[in-house]
Amino acid sequence: MKVTDFNLQKDLTFNLQTGNTVFHDSRLVIFSADAIGLLRQNLIELLGFERARRFFLRFGFQNGYSDFMQIKLNYSFDTEMDLLASGPVLHTWEGIVQATPKEISFDRDKGEFFFTGVWTNSYEAEQHLSYYHETSEPVCWSLMGYASGWCTAFFGSPLIAIEPVCMGKGDPHCEWKIQPPDKWGDEAKPYIDALSDLLNKR
């Protein structure tokens, strides 16, 4: 199977009991951006910026990791690259978030991995702008956690996603890069700290 083989019209269904549109009765596809925004606002006000970031990064990492394992078990892909790229493609179903990979490369033998991509219409950045205006730091925390978890599960060793370009900083889109922790500089410390406990348990 290639990533492009997914048939959305066939696989998407509306669950009357939950009011959600789901993929194969399991994957949440449509959710409330307002609910996410309110949760984000409450957590930042109650926990502060840094603790809220840690919460969302861990939440995203756990979901990305388990999401990858579920897809890997339920589908057979033509190549490892198709399997890896399916994560960003899956995000296009969620409507609010669209993720497009720009460059993917990896070498299992050397333990090297590099992945870049672009988020467009990022609900996290938009919610942050609406509540707190522009910031000097990236703010798509759960998306960064998701990307880290997805690629960590694929590669079998810790990978950290960081967002050097972010709409929350006034940039035109959100762009992420994923690399092993030792290939990042000081900018990775908040992300490594947030995920260290989870990574150690894997």
N, C-alpha and C. Protein backbone atom coordinates (compact mmCIF):
# COMPACT_ATOMS: atom_id res chain seq x y z
N MET A 1 0.83 -1.19 0.00
CA MET A 1 0.00 0.00 0.00
C MET A 1 0.87 1.25 0.00
N LYS A 2 0.46 2.21 -0.80
CA LYS A 2 1.11 3.52 -0.78
C LYS A 2 0.24 4.48 0.03
N VAL A 3 0.84 5.53 0.49
CA VAL A 3 0.08 6.51 1.28
C VAL A 3 -1.11 7.02 0.49
N THR A 4 -0.93 7.18 -0.81
CA THR A 4 -2.00 7.75 -1.65
C THR A 4 -3.14 6.78 -1.89
N ASP A 5 -3.01 5.53 -1.43
CA ASP A 5 -4.05 4.53 -1.66
C ASP A 5 -5.22 4.64 -0.68
N PHE A 6 -5.08 5.43 0.37
CA PHE A 6 -6.19 5.56 1.32
C PHE A 6 -7.40 6.18 0.63
N ASN A 7 -8.56 5.58 0.84
CA ASN A 7 -9.80 6.06 0.24
C ASN A 7 -10.65 6.71 1.33
N LEU A 8 -10.62 8.02 1.39
CA LEU A 8 -11.31 8.72 2.48
C LEU A 8 -12.82 8.54 2.43
N GLN A 9 -13.40 8.59 1.23
CA GLN A 9 -14.85 8.45 1.11
C GLN A 9 -15.32 7.09 1.61
N LYS A 10 -14.52 6.09 1.41
CA LYS A 10 -14.88 4.73 1.84
C LYS A 10 -14.63 4.52 3.33
N ASP A 11 -13.55 5.08 3.84
CA ASP A 11 -13.12 4.75 5.20
C ASP A 11 -13.65 5.67 6.29
N LEU A 12 -14.06 6.89 5.92
CA LEU A 12 -14.55 7.82 6.94
C LEU A 12 -16.02 7.56 7.26
N THR A 13 -16.36 7.52 8.54
CA THR A 13 -17.74 7.34 8.96
C THR A 13 -18.06 8.31 10.08
N PHE A 14 -19.33 8.61 10.23
CA PHE A 14 -19.77 9.51 11.31
C PHE A 14 -20.39 8.67 12.41
N ASN A 15 -19.87 8.80 13.62
CA ASN A 15 -20.36 8.06 14.78
C ASN A 15 -21.42 8.89 15.49
N LEU A 16 -22.69 8.43 15.42
CA LEU A 16 -23.78 9.20 16.00
C LEU A 16 -23.68 9.28 17.52
N GLN A 17 -23.15 8.25 18.15
CA GLN A 17 -23.09 8.24 19.61
C GLN A 17 -22.13 9.28 20.16
N THR A 18 -21.00 9.45 19.49
CA THR A 18 -19.99 10.40 19.97
C THR A 18 -20.04 11.74 19.24
N GLY A 19 -20.69 11.76 18.08
CA GLY A 19 -20.73 12.98 17.28
C GLY A 19 -19.43 13.27 16.57
N ASN A 20 -18.56 12.26 16.43
CA ASN A 20 -17.27 12.43 15.78
C ASN A 20 -17.23 11.72 14.44
N THR A 21 -16.46 12.27 13.54
CA THR A 21 -16.14 11.57 12.31
C THR A 21 -14.86 10.78 12.56
N VAL A 22 -14.89 9.49 12.25
CA VAL A 22 -13.76 8.63 12.58
C VAL A 22 -13.29 7.85 11.37
N PHE A 23 -12.07 7.37 11.45
CA PHE A 23 -11.49 6.53 10.41
C PHE A 23 -11.45 5.10 10.93
N HIS A 24 -12.14 4.19 10.26
CA HIS A 24 -12.21 2.79 10.68
C HIS A 24 -12.64 2.65 12.14
N ASP A 25 -13.59 3.48 12.58
CA ASP A 25 -14.16 3.39 13.92
C ASP A 25 -13.16 3.58 15.05
N SER A 26 -11.98 4.12 14.76
CA SER A 26 -11.01 4.27 15.85
C SER A 26 -10.31 5.62 15.84
N ARG A 27 -9.93 6.13 14.69
CA ARG A 27 -9.13 7.35 14.65
C ARG A 27 -10.01 8.58 14.60
N LEU A 28 -9.83 9.46 15.58
CA LEU A 28 -10.60 10.70 15.61
C LEU A 28 -10.15 11.61 14.47
N VAL A 29 -11.10 12.08 13.68
CA VAL A 29 -10.76 12.89 12.52
C VAL A 29 -11.17 14.34 12.70
N ILE A 30 -12.33 14.56 13.26
CA ILE A 30 -12.81 15.94 13.44
C ILE A 30 -13.05 16.19 14.92
N PHE A 31 -12.51 17.26 15.43
CA PHE A 31 -12.68 17.61 16.83
C PHE A 31 -12.86 19.12 16.92
N SER A 32 -13.18 19.60 18.10
CA SER A 32 -13.46 21.01 18.27
C SER A 32 -12.20 21.82 18.53
N ALA A 33 -11.89 22.74 17.64
CA ALA A 33 -10.74 23.62 17.84
C ALA A 33 -10.97 24.53 19.03
N ASP A 34 -12.23 24.92 19.25
CA ASP A 34 -12.53 25.78 20.39
C ASP A 34 -12.24 25.07 21.71
N ALA A 35 -12.57 23.77 21.77
CA ALA A 35 -12.30 23.01 22.99
C ALA A 35 -10.80 22.91 23.25
N ILE A 36 -10.03 22.66 22.20
CA ILE A 36 -8.57 22.60 22.33
C ILE A 36 -8.04 23.96 22.78
N GLY A 37 -8.57 25.02 22.19
CA GLY A 37 -8.12 26.36 22.54
C GLY A 37 -8.40 26.71 23.99
N LEU A 38 -9.59 26.32 24.48
CA LEU A 38 -9.95 26.60 25.86
C LEU A 38 -9.07 25.81 26.82
N LEU A 39 -8.82 24.53 26.49
CA LEU A 39 -7.93 23.73 27.33
C LEU A 39 -6.54 24.34 27.38
N ARG A 40 -6.07 24.77 26.22
CA ARG A 40 -4.74 25.38 26.15
C ARG A 40 -4.67 26.64 27.01
N GLN A 41 -5.68 27.48 26.88
CA GLN A 41 -5.71 28.72 27.66
C GLN A 41 -5.70 28.43 29.15
N ASN A 42 -6.53 27.47 29.59
CA ASN A 42 -6.62 27.15 31.01
C ASN A 42 -5.30 26.59 31.53
N LEU A 43 -4.66 25.73 30.76
CA LEU A 43 -3.41 25.12 31.21
C LEU A 43 -2.29 26.16 31.31
N ILE A 44 -2.22 27.06 30.35
CA ILE A 44 -1.18 28.08 30.40
C ILE A 44 -1.38 29.00 31.61
N GLU A 45 -2.66 29.35 31.85
CA GLU A 45 -2.93 30.24 32.98
C GLU A 45 -2.72 29.55 34.32
N LEU A 46 -3.02 28.25 34.40
CA LEU A 46 -2.88 27.53 35.66
C LEU A 46 -1.46 27.01 35.89
N LEU A 47 -0.82 26.53 34.84
CA LEU A 47 0.48 25.88 34.97
C LEU A 47 1.64 26.77 34.56
N GLY A 48 1.37 27.79 33.77
CA GLY A 48 2.45 28.59 33.19
C GLY A 48 2.88 28.03 31.84
N PHE A 49 3.62 28.83 31.10
CA PHE A 49 4.00 28.49 29.73
C PHE A 49 4.79 27.19 29.66
N GLU A 50 5.82 27.06 30.49
CA GLU A 50 6.73 25.91 30.40
C GLU A 50 6.04 24.60 30.77
N ARG A 51 5.28 24.58 31.85
CA ARG A 51 4.61 23.35 32.25
C ARG A 51 3.53 22.95 31.27
N ALA A 52 2.83 23.96 30.72
CA ALA A 52 1.82 23.66 29.71
C ALA A 52 2.47 23.05 28.48
N ARG A 53 3.62 23.59 28.09
CA ARG A 53 4.33 23.03 26.95
C ARG A 53 4.71 21.57 27.21
N ARG A 54 5.20 21.29 28.40
CA ARG A 54 5.58 19.92 28.74
C ARG A 54 4.37 18.98 28.65
N PHE A 55 3.23 19.45 29.15
CA PHE A 55 2.01 18.64 29.11
C PHE A 55 1.63 18.28 27.68
N PHE A 56 1.57 19.29 26.81
CA PHE A 56 1.13 19.05 25.44
C PHE A 56 2.15 18.23 24.64
N LEU A 57 3.44 18.46 24.88
CA LEU A 57 4.46 17.67 24.19
C LEU A 57 4.34 16.19 24.55
N ARG A 58 4.14 15.91 25.83
CA ARG A 58 4.01 14.51 26.26
C ARG A 58 2.74 13.88 25.71
N PHE A 59 1.65 14.64 25.76
CA PHE A 59 0.38 14.16 25.22
C PHE A 59 0.53 13.83 23.74
N GLY A 60 1.14 14.74 22.97
CA GLY A 60 1.31 14.52 21.55
C GLY A 60 2.23 13.35 21.27
N PHE A 61 3.31 13.23 22.05
CA PHE A 61 4.26 12.13 21.84
C PHE A 61 3.57 10.78 22.04
N GLN A 62 2.82 10.64 23.12
CA GLN A 62 2.15 9.38 23.40
C GLN A 62 1.17 9.02 22.28
N ASN A 63 0.44 10.00 21.79
CA ASN A 63 -0.52 9.74 20.72
C ASN A 63 0.18 9.41 19.40
N GLY A 64 1.26 10.14 19.11
CA GLY A 64 1.99 9.86 17.88
C GLY A 64 2.61 8.47 17.89
N TYR A 65 3.18 8.09 19.03
CA TYR A 65 3.82 6.78 19.16
C TYR A 65 2.80 5.66 18.98
N SER A 66 1.68 5.74 19.72
CA SER A 66 0.67 4.69 19.64
C SER A 66 -0.02 4.68 18.29
N ASP A 67 -0.20 5.87 17.69
CA ASP A 67 -0.82 5.98 16.38
C ASP A 67 0.02 5.25 15.34
N PHE A 68 1.33 5.45 15.39
CA PHE A 68 2.22 4.78 14.45
C PHE A 68 2.11 3.27 14.59
N MET A 69 2.15 2.78 15.83
CA MET A 69 2.11 1.33 16.05
C MET A 69 0.80 0.73 15.54
N GLN A 70 -0.30 1.47 15.71
CA GLN A 70 -1.59 0.99 15.23
C GLN A 70 -1.61 0.90 13.70
N ILE A 71 -1.09 1.94 13.05
CA ILE A 71 -1.05 1.94 11.58
C ILE A 71 -0.13 0.83 11.08
N LYS A 72 1.01 0.67 11.73
CA LYS A 72 1.97 -0.36 11.31
C LYS A 72 1.37 -1.76 11.40
N LEU A 73 0.57 -2.01 12.43
CA LEU A 73 -0.03 -3.33 12.62
C LEU A 73 -1.19 -3.59 11.67
N ASN A 74 -1.89 -2.55 11.26
CA ASN A 74 -3.12 -2.72 10.48
C ASN A 74 -2.96 -2.56 8.97
N TYR A 75 -1.81 -2.06 8.52
CA TYR A 75 -1.62 -1.83 7.10
C TYR A 75 -0.27 -2.38 6.64
N SER A 76 -0.22 -2.75 5.38
CA SER A 76 1.03 -3.20 4.79
C SER A 76 1.44 -2.19 3.72
N PHE A 77 2.57 -1.53 3.93
CA PHE A 77 3.02 -0.49 3.00
C PHE A 77 4.07 -1.03 2.04
N ASP A 78 4.12 -0.46 0.85
CA ASP A 78 5.07 -0.90 -0.17
C ASP A 78 6.51 -0.67 0.26
N THR A 79 6.76 0.45 0.91
CA THR A 79 8.12 0.78 1.33
C THR A 79 8.08 1.39 2.73
N GLU A 80 9.23 1.43 3.38
CA GLU A 80 9.32 2.09 4.69
C GLU A 80 9.01 3.58 4.57
N MET A 81 9.37 4.17 3.43
CA MET A 81 9.11 5.59 3.24
C MET A 81 7.61 5.87 3.20
N ASP A 82 6.84 4.96 2.57
CA ASP A 82 5.39 5.12 2.56
C ASP A 82 4.83 5.04 3.97
N LEU A 83 5.34 4.10 4.76
CA LEU A 83 4.89 3.97 6.15
C LEU A 83 5.21 5.23 6.94
N LEU A 84 6.42 5.73 6.79
CA LEU A 84 6.83 6.93 7.52
C LEU A 84 6.01 8.14 7.10
N ALA A 85 5.77 8.29 5.82
CA ALA A 85 5.05 9.46 5.32
C ALA A 85 3.56 9.40 5.64
N SER A 86 3.05 8.24 6.06
CA SER A 86 1.62 8.14 6.33
C SER A 86 1.19 9.01 7.51
N GLY A 87 2.11 9.32 8.43
CA GLY A 87 1.76 10.18 9.56
C GLY A 87 1.28 11.55 9.13
N PRO A 88 2.09 12.29 8.36
CA PRO A 88 1.61 13.58 7.86
C PRO A 88 0.37 13.47 7.00
N VAL A 89 0.25 12.39 6.23
CA VAL A 89 -0.94 12.24 5.40
C VAL A 89 -2.17 12.04 6.27
N LEU A 90 -2.03 11.26 7.34
CA LEU A 90 -3.16 11.05 8.24
C LEU A 90 -3.65 12.37 8.81
N HIS A 91 -2.76 13.29 9.07
CA HIS A 91 -3.16 14.58 9.64
C HIS A 91 -4.00 15.40 8.69
N THR A 92 -3.89 15.15 7.39
CA THR A 92 -4.72 15.92 6.46
C THR A 92 -6.18 15.57 6.64
N TRP A 93 -6.50 14.42 7.21
CA TRP A 93 -7.89 14.04 7.43
C TRP A 93 -8.54 14.86 8.52
N GLU A 94 -7.75 15.43 9.38
CA GLU A 94 -8.32 16.08 10.54
C GLU A 94 -8.85 17.48 10.24
N GLY A 95 -8.69 17.91 9.00
CA GLY A 95 -9.34 19.14 8.58
C GLY A 95 -8.69 20.39 9.12
N ILE A 96 -8.56 20.48 10.43
CA ILE A 96 -8.02 21.68 11.04
C ILE A 96 -6.52 21.76 10.79
N VAL A 97 -5.86 20.60 10.78
CA VAL A 97 -4.41 20.57 10.62
C VAL A 97 -4.07 19.87 9.31
N GLN A 98 -3.19 20.45 8.55
CA GLN A 98 -2.69 19.82 7.35
C GLN A 98 -1.18 19.81 7.41
N ALA A 99 -0.58 18.63 7.30
CA ALA A 99 0.87 18.50 7.39
C ALA A 99 1.40 17.95 6.07
N THR A 100 2.42 18.59 5.55
CA THR A 100 3.02 18.18 4.29
C THR A 100 4.51 17.93 4.47
N PRO A 101 4.98 16.70 4.22
CA PRO A 101 6.42 16.46 4.34
C PRO A 101 7.18 17.13 3.20
N LYS A 102 8.32 17.73 3.52
CA LYS A 102 9.16 18.36 2.51
C LYS A 102 10.37 17.51 2.17
N GLU A 103 10.96 16.92 3.20
CA GLU A 103 12.16 16.11 2.98
C GLU A 103 12.21 15.01 4.03
N ILE A 104 12.40 13.78 3.59
CA ILE A 104 12.52 12.65 4.50
C ILE A 104 13.74 11.84 4.10
N SER A 105 14.63 11.61 5.04
CA SER A 105 15.77 10.75 4.77
C SER A 105 16.17 10.04 6.05
N PHE A 106 16.61 8.80 5.92
CA PHE A 106 17.04 8.06 7.10
C PHE A 106 18.00 6.95 6.69
N ASP A 107 18.82 6.55 7.63
CA ASP A 107 19.76 5.45 7.44
C ASP A 107 19.77 4.66 8.73
N ARG A 108 19.12 3.50 8.73
CA ARG A 108 19.02 2.70 9.95
C ARG A 108 20.40 2.24 10.41
N ASP A 109 21.26 1.86 9.47
CA ASP A 109 22.58 1.34 9.84
C ASP A 109 23.43 2.40 10.54
N LYS A 110 23.37 3.64 10.03
CA LYS A 110 24.16 4.72 10.62
C LYS A 110 23.46 5.37 11.80
N GLY A 111 22.18 5.08 11.94
CA GLY A 111 21.43 5.72 13.02
C GLY A 111 21.17 7.19 12.75
N GLU A 112 21.08 7.56 11.49
CA GLU A 112 20.84 8.96 11.13
C GLU A 112 19.44 9.12 10.57
N PHE A 113 18.82 10.23 10.93
CA PHE A 113 17.45 10.47 10.51
C PHE A 113 17.24 11.97 10.34
N PHE A 114 16.57 12.35 9.27
CA PHE A 114 16.28 13.76 9.06
C PHE A 114 14.92 13.89 8.40
N PHE A 115 14.08 14.75 8.93
CA PHE A 115 12.72 14.90 8.43
C PHE A 115 12.34 16.37 8.57
N THR A 116 11.85 16.96 7.52
CA THR A 116 11.31 18.32 7.62
C THR A 116 9.92 18.34 7.00
N GLY A 117 9.11 19.28 7.45
CA GLY A 117 7.78 19.39 6.88
C GLY A 117 7.14 20.70 7.27
N VAL A 118 5.93 20.92 6.77
CA VAL A 118 5.21 22.18 6.98
C VAL A 118 3.82 21.88 7.53
N TRP A 119 3.45 22.58 8.62
CA TRP A 119 2.07 22.58 9.07
C TRP A 119 1.39 23.80 8.42
N THR A 120 0.21 23.62 7.90
CA THR A 120 -0.57 24.77 7.45
C THR A 120 -1.89 24.76 8.23
N ASN A 121 -2.41 25.93 8.49
CA ASN A 121 -3.65 26.07 9.23
C ASN A 121 -3.55 25.39 10.59
N SER A 122 -2.48 25.67 11.31
CA SER A 122 -2.24 25.03 12.61
C SER A 122 -3.16 25.62 13.67
N TYR A 123 -4.05 24.78 14.20
CA TYR A 123 -4.99 25.27 15.22
C TYR A 123 -4.26 25.73 16.48
N GLU A 124 -3.14 25.08 16.82
CA GLU A 124 -2.42 25.47 18.03
C GLU A 124 -1.85 26.88 17.90
N ALA A 125 -1.24 27.17 16.75
CA ALA A 125 -0.69 28.51 16.55
C ALA A 125 -1.80 29.55 16.50
N GLU A 126 -2.90 29.21 15.82
CA GLU A 126 -4.00 30.17 15.70
C GLU A 126 -4.64 30.46 17.06
N GLN A 127 -4.82 29.42 17.87
CA GLN A 127 -5.40 29.63 19.19
C GLN A 127 -4.47 30.47 20.06
N HIS A 128 -3.17 30.20 19.98
CA HIS A 128 -2.22 30.97 20.78
C HIS A 128 -2.24 32.45 20.37
N LEU A 129 -2.28 32.69 19.08
CA LEU A 129 -2.32 34.07 18.59
C LEU A 129 -3.58 34.78 19.08
N SER A 130 -4.70 34.06 19.08
CA SER A 130 -5.94 34.70 19.45
C SER A 130 -6.00 35.01 20.95
N TYR A 131 -5.35 34.21 21.77
CA TYR A 131 -5.37 34.43 23.22
C TYR A 131 -4.20 35.27 23.71
N TYR A 132 -3.03 35.08 23.11
CA TYR A 132 -1.81 35.67 23.68
C TYR A 132 -0.99 36.53 22.70
N HIS A 133 -1.43 36.60 21.45
CA HIS A 133 -0.71 37.36 20.42
C HIS A 133 0.63 36.68 20.09
N GLU A 134 1.48 37.36 19.35
CA GLU A 134 2.72 36.74 18.89
C GLU A 134 3.67 36.47 20.05
N THR A 135 4.47 35.42 19.89
CA THR A 135 5.43 35.04 20.90
C THR A 135 6.80 34.84 20.24
N SER A 136 7.83 34.80 21.04
CA SER A 136 9.17 34.59 20.50
C SER A 136 9.51 33.10 20.39
N GLU A 137 8.60 32.22 20.89
CA GLU A 137 8.87 30.79 20.89
C GLU A 137 7.86 30.03 20.05
N PRO A 138 8.26 28.86 19.53
CA PRO A 138 7.30 28.00 18.83
C PRO A 138 6.19 27.56 19.77
N VAL A 139 4.97 27.38 19.24
CA VAL A 139 3.84 27.07 20.13
C VAL A 139 3.03 25.85 19.69
N CYS A 140 3.41 25.16 18.65
CA CYS A 140 2.65 23.98 18.22
C CYS A 140 3.13 22.74 18.98
N TRP A 141 2.90 22.76 20.28
CA TRP A 141 3.52 21.76 21.15
C TRP A 141 3.02 20.36 20.90
N SER A 142 1.71 20.15 20.88
CA SER A 142 1.23 18.77 20.72
C SER A 142 1.56 18.23 19.33
N LEU A 143 1.61 19.11 18.33
CA LEU A 143 2.01 18.67 16.99
C LEU A 143 3.47 18.25 16.96
N MET A 144 4.30 19.01 17.67
CA MET A 144 5.72 18.64 17.76
C MET A 144 5.88 17.32 18.50
N GLY A 145 5.09 17.15 19.56
CA GLY A 145 5.14 15.89 20.29
C GLY A 145 4.68 14.73 19.43
N TYR A 146 3.61 14.96 18.65
CA TYR A 146 3.11 13.91 17.76
C TYR A 146 4.18 13.50 16.75
N ALA A 147 4.81 14.49 16.13
CA ALA A 147 5.84 14.19 15.14
C ALA A 147 7.01 13.45 15.77
N SER A 148 7.41 13.85 16.98
CA SER A 148 8.49 13.18 17.68
C SER A 148 8.12 11.72 17.98
N GLY A 149 6.90 11.51 18.49
CA GLY A 149 6.47 10.17 18.84
C GLY A 149 6.33 9.26 17.64
N TRP A 150 5.76 9.80 16.56
CA TRP A 150 5.58 9.02 15.33
C TRP A 150 6.93 8.54 14.81
N CYS A 151 7.88 9.44 14.70
CA CYS A 151 9.18 9.09 14.11
C CYS A 151 10.04 8.28 15.08
N THR A 152 9.89 8.50 16.39
CA THR A 152 10.60 7.68 17.36
C THR A 152 10.14 6.23 17.26
N ALA A 153 8.83 6.03 17.11
CA ALA A 153 8.30 4.67 16.97
C ALA A 153 8.80 4.03 15.68
N PHE A 154 8.85 4.80 14.61
CA PHE A 154 9.32 4.28 13.32
C PHE A 154 10.78 3.86 13.39
N PHE A 155 11.60 4.72 13.98
CA PHE A 155 13.04 4.51 13.94
C PHE A 155 13.54 3.62 15.07
N GLY A 156 12.79 3.58 16.17
CA GLY A 156 13.19 2.75 17.30
C GLY A 156 14.21 3.39 18.22
N SER A 157 14.44 4.70 18.08
CA SER A 157 15.34 5.43 18.97
C SER A 157 14.83 6.86 19.08
N PRO A 158 15.20 7.57 20.15
CA PRO A 158 14.62 8.90 20.41
C PRO A 158 14.87 9.90 19.29
N LEU A 159 13.83 10.61 18.90
CA LEU A 159 13.91 11.69 17.93
C LEU A 159 13.11 12.87 18.46
N ILE A 160 13.62 14.05 18.24
CA ILE A 160 12.99 15.26 18.76
C ILE A 160 12.58 16.17 17.60
N ALA A 161 11.31 16.58 17.61
CA ALA A 161 10.80 17.53 16.63
C ALA A 161 10.85 18.93 17.22
N ILE A 162 11.36 19.87 16.45
CA ILE A 162 11.40 21.28 16.87
C ILE A 162 10.85 22.12 15.72
N GLU A 163 10.26 23.24 16.08
CA GLU A 163 9.55 24.08 15.13
C GLU A 163 10.26 25.44 14.98
N PRO A 164 11.26 25.53 14.10
CA PRO A 164 11.97 26.80 13.96
C PRO A 164 11.14 27.91 13.32
N VAL A 165 10.16 27.52 12.53
CA VAL A 165 9.27 28.48 11.86
C VAL A 165 7.86 28.25 12.40
N CYS A 166 7.20 29.29 12.87
CA CYS A 166 5.90 29.11 13.53
C CYS A 166 5.01 30.32 13.30
N MET A 167 3.74 30.08 12.98
CA MET A 167 2.78 31.17 12.82
C MET A 167 2.61 31.94 14.12
N GLY A 168 2.83 31.24 15.25
CA GLY A 168 2.73 31.92 16.53
C GLY A 168 3.80 32.99 16.72
N LYS A 169 4.88 32.91 15.90
CA LYS A 169 5.93 33.93 15.94
C LYS A 169 5.75 34.95 14.81
N GLY A 170 4.66 34.83 14.09
CA GLY A 170 4.41 35.75 12.98
C GLY A 170 4.87 35.25 11.63
N ASP A 171 5.35 34.00 11.58
CA ASP A 171 5.78 33.42 10.30
C ASP A 171 4.55 33.01 9.47
N PRO A 172 4.72 32.85 8.16
CA PRO A 172 3.56 32.54 7.30
C PRO A 172 3.04 31.12 7.46
N HIS A 173 3.83 30.21 7.99
CA HIS A 173 3.40 28.84 8.22
C HIS A 173 4.23 28.26 9.36
N CYS A 174 3.96 27.02 9.72
CA CYS A 174 4.73 26.34 10.76
C CYS A 174 5.56 25.24 10.11
N GLU A 175 6.85 25.26 10.36
CA GLU A 175 7.74 24.27 9.76
C GLU A 175 8.48 23.53 10.87
N TRP A 176 8.57 22.21 10.75
CA TRP A 176 9.26 21.44 11.78
C TRP A 176 10.45 20.70 11.20
N LYS A 177 11.39 20.38 12.07
CA LYS A 177 12.51 19.52 11.74
C LYS A 177 12.61 18.45 12.81
N ILE A 178 12.97 17.25 12.41
CA ILE A 178 13.10 16.14 13.35
C ILE A 178 14.48 15.54 13.21
N GLN A 179 15.20 15.48 14.33
CA GLN A 179 16.54 14.92 14.35
C GLN A 179 16.79 14.22 15.68
N PRO A 180 17.82 13.37 15.78
CA PRO A 180 18.19 12.80 17.08
C PRO A 180 18.56 13.92 18.05
N PRO A 181 18.34 13.71 19.35
CA PRO A 181 18.61 14.76 20.34
C PRO A 181 20.03 15.32 20.27
N ASP A 182 21.03 14.45 20.00
CA ASP A 182 22.42 14.92 20.01
C ASP A 182 22.78 15.76 18.80
N LYS A 183 21.87 15.87 17.82
CA LYS A 183 22.15 16.70 16.64
C LYS A 183 21.55 18.09 16.78
N TRP A 184 20.79 18.30 17.86
CA TRP A 184 20.24 19.62 18.14
C TRP A 184 21.17 20.37 19.09
N GLY A 185 21.00 21.67 19.18
CA GLY A 185 21.74 22.49 20.12
C GLY A 185 20.90 22.79 21.35
N ASP A 186 21.17 23.94 21.97
CA ASP A 186 20.47 24.32 23.20
C ASP A 186 18.97 24.51 22.99
N GLU A 187 18.56 24.78 21.74
CA GLU A 187 17.15 25.01 21.48
C GLU A 187 16.29 23.77 21.77
N ALA A 188 16.95 22.59 21.82
CA ALA A 188 16.20 21.35 22.03
C ALA A 188 15.96 21.04 23.51
N LYS A 189 16.62 21.76 24.41
CA LYS A 189 16.55 21.39 25.83
C LYS A 189 15.12 21.33 26.38
N PRO A 190 14.25 22.32 26.13
CA PRO A 190 12.88 22.22 26.67
C PRO A 190 12.14 21.00 26.14
N TYR A 191 12.40 20.63 24.91
CA TYR A 191 11.70 19.50 24.30
C TYR A 191 12.26 18.18 24.83
N ILE A 192 13.57 18.10 24.96
CA ILE A 192 14.20 16.90 25.51
C ILE A 192 13.78 16.69 26.96
N ASP A 193 13.77 17.77 27.73
CA ASP A 193 13.35 17.68 29.13
C ASP A 193 11.91 17.18 29.25
N ALA A 194 11.04 17.69 28.38
CA ALA A 194 9.63 17.33 28.44
C ALA A 194 9.39 15.86 28.09
N LEU A 195 10.20 15.32 27.21
CA LEU A 195 9.98 13.96 26.73
C LEU A 195 10.89 12.92 27.36
N SER A 196 11.83 13.33 28.19
CA SER A 196 12.84 12.41 28.68
C SER A 196 12.23 11.24 29.47
N ASP A 197 11.25 11.54 30.33
CA ASP A 197 10.65 10.47 31.11
C ASP A 197 9.93 9.46 30.22
N LEU A 198 9.22 9.95 29.21
CA LEU A 198 8.52 9.06 28.31
C LEU A 198 9.49 8.23 27.49
N LEU A 199 10.55 8.87 26.99
CA LEU A 199 11.52 8.17 26.15
C LEU A 199 12.23 7.08 26.95
N ASN A 200 12.49 7.34 28.20
CA ASN A 200 13.19 6.36 29.02
C ASN A 200 12.33 5.14 29.32
N LYS A 201 11.02 5.30 29.21
CA LYS A 201 10.11 4.19 29.49
C LYS A 201 9.86 3.32 28.26
N ARG A 202 10.27 3.80 27.09
CA ARG A 202 9.99 3.03 25.87
C ARG A 202 10.91 1.84 25.77
